[in-house]
Amino acid sequence: RNIEALAARAEALRYHMVVDRSPASLRRALETRPSWRGMPLARLHLHNTLQLPQHVRELHRRLSRSATGPGSIYLWKPLMHTVLPLSIRRVIVLDTDLFLFADLRHLWRQ
C-alpha cells in the first residue's frame, strides 16, 4: 500500500530525495512523467549532492570505492545527516522497493 493511504495525516508527510543532478530539471521531469503522477510535489524536497561541502563529497567518494551493486547513490544513506538540513531532527529512510503493511507512525514513535 502507499504511504499516503496509510498515513493518518498525509499532509504532515514530507519527502526528501537525494539527487546528483540539477533539482530544477529533475522537478520538471517529475511533473511530466506519468510514473510520478500522484506524488505530492509540493511536499517533495530535492537535495543536490553536488552542492554539499567538499569534505562530505570526499567522504562519499571514499565509501563508493568499495561499493558494489547499482551504483553509489545509495551510499548517501549513512551520510544522511550531512545531506539534510539541520532543522530535520528525525528521518525514516525508505527504499522505493519497500512494501508497507502498517502505518509508519508506529515506527516514528519508537
N, C-alpha and C. Protein backbone atom coordinates (compact mmCIF):
# COMPACT_ATOMS: atom_id res chain seq x y z
N ARG A 1 0.84 -1.19 0.00
CA ARG A 1 0.00 0.00 0.00
C ARG A 1 0.87 1.23 0.00
N ASN A 2 0.29 2.31 -0.33
CA ASN A 2 1.05 3.53 -0.44
C ASN A 2 1.10 4.29 0.88
N ILE A 3 2.19 5.00 1.09
CA ILE A 3 2.43 5.70 2.35
C ILE A 3 1.33 6.71 2.63
N GLU A 4 0.92 7.42 1.61
CA GLU A 4 -0.12 8.43 1.76
C GLU A 4 -1.43 7.80 2.23
N ALA A 5 -1.78 6.64 1.69
CA ALA A 5 -3.03 5.97 2.05
C ALA A 5 -3.00 5.49 3.49
N LEU A 6 -1.83 5.11 3.99
CA LEU A 6 -1.73 4.60 5.35
C LEU A 6 -1.58 5.69 6.40
N ALA A 7 -1.23 6.89 5.97
CA ALA A 7 -0.97 7.97 6.92
C ALA A 7 -2.27 8.54 7.46
N ALA A 8 -2.29 8.80 8.75
CA ALA A 8 -3.47 9.42 9.35
C ALA A 8 -3.60 10.85 8.86
N ARG A 9 -2.47 11.52 8.69
CA ARG A 9 -2.46 12.91 8.19
C ARG A 9 -1.41 13.00 7.09
N ALA A 10 -1.78 12.67 5.89
CA ALA A 10 -0.84 12.66 4.77
C ALA A 10 -0.20 14.01 4.55
N GLU A 11 -0.94 15.09 4.83
CA GLU A 11 -0.38 16.43 4.62
C GLU A 11 0.80 16.73 5.54
N ALA A 12 0.97 15.95 6.59
CA ALA A 12 2.09 16.14 7.51
C ALA A 12 3.37 15.46 7.01
N LEU A 13 3.23 14.58 6.03
CA LEU A 13 4.40 13.88 5.50
C LEU A 13 5.23 14.80 4.62
N ARG A 14 6.54 14.67 4.70
CA ARG A 14 7.48 15.40 3.84
C ARG A 14 8.39 14.37 3.21
N TYR A 15 8.69 14.57 1.95
CA TYR A 15 9.56 13.66 1.22
C TYR A 15 10.85 14.40 0.87
N HIS A 16 11.97 13.74 1.11
CA HIS A 16 13.27 14.31 0.80
C HIS A 16 13.99 13.34 -0.12
N MET A 17 14.36 13.81 -1.28
CA MET A 17 15.02 12.97 -2.26
C MET A 17 16.44 13.48 -2.47
N VAL A 18 17.40 12.57 -2.32
CA VAL A 18 18.80 12.90 -2.55
C VAL A 18 19.08 12.67 -4.03
N VAL A 19 19.57 13.72 -4.70
CA VAL A 19 19.78 13.66 -6.15
C VAL A 19 21.20 14.11 -6.49
N ASP A 20 21.68 13.63 -7.62
CA ASP A 20 23.02 14.00 -8.06
C ASP A 20 22.99 14.76 -9.39
N ARG A 21 21.94 15.54 -9.57
CA ARG A 21 21.82 16.42 -10.73
C ARG A 21 20.95 17.61 -10.37
N SER A 22 20.75 18.49 -11.30
CA SER A 22 20.02 19.73 -11.06
C SER A 22 18.61 19.46 -10.54
N PRO A 23 18.29 19.95 -9.34
CA PRO A 23 16.93 19.76 -8.82
C PRO A 23 15.86 20.40 -9.71
N ALA A 24 16.17 21.51 -10.34
CA ALA A 24 15.17 22.18 -11.18
C ALA A 24 14.79 21.32 -12.38
N SER A 25 15.77 20.74 -13.06
CA SER A 25 15.45 19.90 -14.22
C SER A 25 14.77 18.60 -13.79
N LEU A 26 15.17 18.07 -12.65
CA LEU A 26 14.54 16.85 -12.15
C LEU A 26 13.08 17.13 -11.76
N ARG A 27 12.83 18.26 -11.13
CA ARG A 27 11.46 18.60 -10.75
C ARG A 27 10.58 18.73 -11.98
N ARG A 28 11.09 19.34 -13.05
CA ARG A 28 10.32 19.44 -14.29
C ARG A 28 10.00 18.05 -14.83
N ALA A 29 10.98 17.15 -14.78
CA ALA A 29 10.76 15.78 -15.26
C ALA A 29 9.71 15.07 -14.40
N LEU A 30 9.76 15.27 -13.11
CA LEU A 30 8.79 14.64 -12.21
C LEU A 30 7.37 15.13 -12.49
N GLU A 31 7.26 16.39 -12.84
CA GLU A 31 5.94 16.96 -13.12
C GLU A 31 5.32 16.42 -14.39
N THR A 32 6.15 15.92 -15.32
CA THR A 32 5.62 15.50 -16.61
C THR A 32 5.56 13.99 -16.80
N ARG A 33 6.28 13.22 -16.01
CA ARG A 33 6.29 11.76 -16.19
C ARG A 33 5.09 11.11 -15.52
N PRO A 34 4.39 10.26 -16.26
CA PRO A 34 3.22 9.58 -15.68
C PRO A 34 3.56 8.73 -14.46
N SER A 35 4.75 8.17 -14.41
CA SER A 35 5.10 7.29 -13.29
C SER A 35 5.15 8.03 -11.95
N TRP A 36 5.27 9.36 -11.98
CA TRP A 36 5.31 10.14 -10.75
C TRP A 36 3.97 10.81 -10.46
N ARG A 37 2.97 10.51 -11.27
CA ARG A 37 1.65 11.10 -11.05
C ARG A 37 1.15 10.72 -9.66
N GLY A 38 0.63 11.67 -8.97
CA GLY A 38 0.12 11.42 -7.62
C GLY A 38 1.14 11.75 -6.53
N MET A 39 2.40 11.93 -6.89
CA MET A 39 3.41 12.30 -5.90
C MET A 39 3.14 13.74 -5.46
N PRO A 40 3.05 13.99 -4.17
CA PRO A 40 2.77 15.35 -3.70
C PRO A 40 4.00 16.24 -3.85
N LEU A 41 4.19 16.78 -5.03
CA LEU A 41 5.41 17.54 -5.34
C LEU A 41 5.59 18.76 -4.45
N ALA A 42 4.51 19.31 -3.92
CA ALA A 42 4.64 20.46 -3.02
C ALA A 42 5.32 20.07 -1.71
N ARG A 43 5.29 18.77 -1.38
CA ARG A 43 5.93 18.29 -0.14
C ARG A 43 7.21 17.52 -0.42
N LEU A 44 7.71 17.63 -1.65
CA LEU A 44 8.94 16.94 -2.04
C LEU A 44 10.10 17.93 -2.04
N HIS A 45 11.14 17.61 -1.31
CA HIS A 45 12.33 18.44 -1.22
C HIS A 45 13.49 17.68 -1.85
N LEU A 46 14.14 18.32 -2.81
CA LEU A 46 15.26 17.70 -3.51
C LEU A 46 16.57 18.25 -2.95
N HIS A 47 17.49 17.36 -2.63
CA HIS A 47 18.79 17.75 -2.05
C HIS A 47 19.89 17.31 -3.01
N ASN A 48 20.57 18.28 -3.58
CA ASN A 48 21.59 18.04 -4.58
C ASN A 48 22.94 17.73 -3.92
N THR A 49 23.45 16.55 -4.14
CA THR A 49 24.73 16.15 -3.54
C THR A 49 25.90 16.97 -4.08
N LEU A 50 25.75 17.53 -5.27
CA LEU A 50 26.83 18.32 -5.87
C LEU A 50 27.01 19.65 -5.16
N GLN A 51 26.05 20.05 -4.35
CA GLN A 51 26.14 21.32 -3.62
C GLN A 51 26.62 21.14 -2.18
N LEU A 52 26.96 19.91 -1.82
CA LEU A 52 27.45 19.65 -0.46
C LEU A 52 28.90 20.10 -0.33
N PRO A 53 29.35 20.33 0.90
CA PRO A 53 30.75 20.71 1.10
C PRO A 53 31.70 19.64 0.56
N GLN A 54 32.87 20.06 0.15
CA GLN A 54 33.85 19.16 -0.44
C GLN A 54 34.20 17.99 0.47
N HIS A 55 34.35 18.22 1.78
CA HIS A 55 34.73 17.13 2.68
C HIS A 55 33.65 16.05 2.74
N VAL A 56 32.39 16.43 2.60
CA VAL A 56 31.30 15.45 2.60
C VAL A 56 31.33 14.65 1.31
N ARG A 57 31.52 15.31 0.18
CA ARG A 57 31.59 14.60 -1.10
C ARG A 57 32.81 13.67 -1.13
N GLU A 58 33.91 14.09 -0.51
CA GLU A 58 35.10 13.25 -0.45
C GLU A 58 34.84 12.00 0.39
N LEU A 59 34.15 12.15 1.49
CA LEU A 59 33.80 11.00 2.32
C LEU A 59 32.93 10.02 1.52
N HIS A 60 31.98 10.53 0.79
CA HIS A 60 31.14 9.69 -0.05
C HIS A 60 31.97 9.00 -1.13
N ARG A 61 32.90 9.71 -1.72
CA ARG A 61 33.76 9.13 -2.76
C ARG A 61 34.56 7.96 -2.19
N ARG A 62 35.09 8.12 -0.98
CA ARG A 62 35.87 7.03 -0.35
C ARG A 62 34.98 5.84 -0.04
N LEU A 63 33.77 6.08 0.43
CA LEU A 63 32.82 4.98 0.66
C LEU A 63 32.49 4.26 -0.64
N SER A 64 32.35 5.03 -1.70
CA SER A 64 31.93 4.49 -3.00
C SER A 64 32.97 3.56 -3.62
N ARG A 65 34.21 3.72 -3.24
CA ARG A 65 35.26 2.86 -3.81
C ARG A 65 35.02 1.39 -3.51
N SER A 66 34.36 1.12 -2.40
CA SER A 66 34.11 -0.28 -2.04
C SER A 66 32.70 -0.73 -2.39
N ALA A 67 31.96 0.12 -3.11
CA ALA A 67 30.57 -0.18 -3.43
C ALA A 67 30.44 -1.26 -4.48
N THR A 68 29.41 -2.03 -4.33
CA THR A 68 29.02 -3.00 -5.36
C THR A 68 27.55 -2.77 -5.63
N GLY A 69 27.04 -3.29 -6.68
CA GLY A 69 25.61 -3.18 -6.94
C GLY A 69 25.26 -2.04 -7.87
N PRO A 70 24.11 -1.39 -7.61
CA PRO A 70 23.53 -0.46 -8.58
C PRO A 70 24.23 0.88 -8.72
N GLY A 71 25.20 1.17 -7.92
CA GLY A 71 25.88 2.46 -8.01
C GLY A 71 26.14 3.03 -6.64
N SER A 72 26.59 4.26 -6.63
CA SER A 72 27.00 4.84 -5.35
C SER A 72 25.93 5.74 -4.72
N ILE A 73 24.84 6.02 -5.40
CA ILE A 73 23.85 6.94 -4.83
C ILE A 73 23.29 6.41 -3.51
N TYR A 74 23.15 5.11 -3.38
CA TYR A 74 22.60 4.54 -2.14
C TYR A 74 23.54 4.73 -0.95
N LEU A 75 24.80 5.04 -1.21
CA LEU A 75 25.75 5.23 -0.12
C LEU A 75 25.61 6.59 0.56
N TRP A 76 24.65 7.38 0.13
CA TRP A 76 24.36 8.62 0.85
C TRP A 76 23.55 8.32 2.11
N LYS A 77 22.96 7.15 2.20
CA LYS A 77 22.14 6.82 3.38
C LYS A 77 22.91 6.99 4.70
N PRO A 78 24.11 6.42 4.83
CA PRO A 78 24.80 6.61 6.11
C PRO A 78 25.28 8.04 6.34
N LEU A 79 25.21 8.86 5.29
CA LEU A 79 25.63 10.26 5.39
C LEU A 79 24.44 11.21 5.39
N MET A 80 23.26 10.68 5.59
CA MET A 80 22.04 11.48 5.51
C MET A 80 22.10 12.71 6.41
N HIS A 81 22.74 12.58 7.55
CA HIS A 81 22.84 13.72 8.47
C HIS A 81 23.65 14.87 7.87
N THR A 82 24.45 14.60 6.85
CA THR A 82 25.22 15.66 6.19
C THR A 82 24.47 16.24 4.99
N VAL A 83 23.46 15.55 4.52
CA VAL A 83 22.71 15.96 3.33
C VAL A 83 21.50 16.81 3.70
N LEU A 84 20.74 16.37 4.69
CA LEU A 84 19.51 17.04 5.06
C LEU A 84 19.79 18.27 5.93
N PRO A 85 18.92 19.26 5.90
CA PRO A 85 19.08 20.45 6.74
C PRO A 85 19.06 20.09 8.23
N LEU A 86 19.73 20.89 9.03
CA LEU A 86 19.79 20.65 10.47
C LEU A 86 18.42 20.73 11.13
N SER A 87 17.48 21.41 10.50
CA SER A 87 16.13 21.54 11.07
C SER A 87 15.38 20.21 11.08
N ILE A 88 15.84 19.24 10.31
CA ILE A 88 15.22 17.92 10.29
C ILE A 88 15.90 17.08 11.36
N ARG A 89 15.16 16.79 12.41
CA ARG A 89 15.74 16.10 13.56
C ARG A 89 15.63 14.59 13.47
N ARG A 90 14.62 14.09 12.75
CA ARG A 90 14.43 12.64 12.60
C ARG A 90 14.01 12.36 11.17
N VAL A 91 14.36 11.15 10.72
CA VAL A 91 14.02 10.77 9.36
C VAL A 91 13.85 9.25 9.31
N ILE A 92 12.94 8.81 8.49
CA ILE A 92 12.81 7.38 8.18
C ILE A 92 13.20 7.24 6.73
N VAL A 93 14.22 6.47 6.47
CA VAL A 93 14.71 6.27 5.10
C VAL A 93 14.02 5.04 4.51
N LEU A 94 13.37 5.25 3.38
CA LEU A 94 12.65 4.18 2.71
C LEU A 94 13.17 4.01 1.29
N ASP A 95 13.41 2.79 0.91
CA ASP A 95 13.76 2.50 -0.47
C ASP A 95 12.49 2.41 -1.30
N THR A 96 12.64 2.56 -2.60
CA THR A 96 11.47 2.55 -3.49
C THR A 96 10.87 1.16 -3.65
N ASP A 97 11.59 0.12 -3.28
CA ASP A 97 11.07 -1.24 -3.43
C ASP A 97 10.48 -1.79 -2.13
N LEU A 98 10.18 -0.93 -1.21
CA LEU A 98 9.68 -1.32 0.10
C LEU A 98 8.16 -1.43 0.07
N PHE A 99 7.64 -2.48 0.69
CA PHE A 99 6.20 -2.65 0.85
C PHE A 99 5.83 -2.32 2.29
N LEU A 100 4.77 -1.58 2.47
CA LEU A 100 4.30 -1.21 3.81
C LEU A 100 3.03 -1.98 4.12
N PHE A 101 2.95 -2.48 5.35
CA PHE A 101 1.78 -3.23 5.77
C PHE A 101 1.11 -2.58 6.99
N ALA A 102 1.68 -1.49 7.46
CA ALA A 102 1.10 -0.78 8.60
C ALA A 102 1.51 0.68 8.52
N ASP A 103 0.85 1.49 9.31
CA ASP A 103 1.13 2.92 9.36
C ASP A 103 2.54 3.14 9.91
N LEU A 104 3.26 4.05 9.29
CA LEU A 104 4.63 4.35 9.74
C LEU A 104 4.69 5.08 11.08
N ARG A 105 3.55 5.56 11.56
CA ARG A 105 3.55 6.23 12.86
C ARG A 105 4.09 5.33 13.97
N HIS A 106 3.84 4.03 13.86
CA HIS A 106 4.34 3.10 14.89
C HIS A 106 5.86 3.12 14.93
N LEU A 107 6.49 3.15 13.79
CA LEU A 107 7.95 3.23 13.72
C LEU A 107 8.42 4.60 14.17
N TRP A 108 7.75 5.66 13.76
CA TRP A 108 8.12 7.01 14.09
C TRP A 108 8.10 7.26 15.61
N ARG A 109 7.17 6.61 16.29
CA ARG A 109 7.03 6.80 17.74
C ARG A 109 8.12 6.11 18.54
N GLN A 110 8.86 5.21 17.93
CA GLN A 110 9.90 4.45 18.65
C GLN A 110 11.05 5.32 19.09
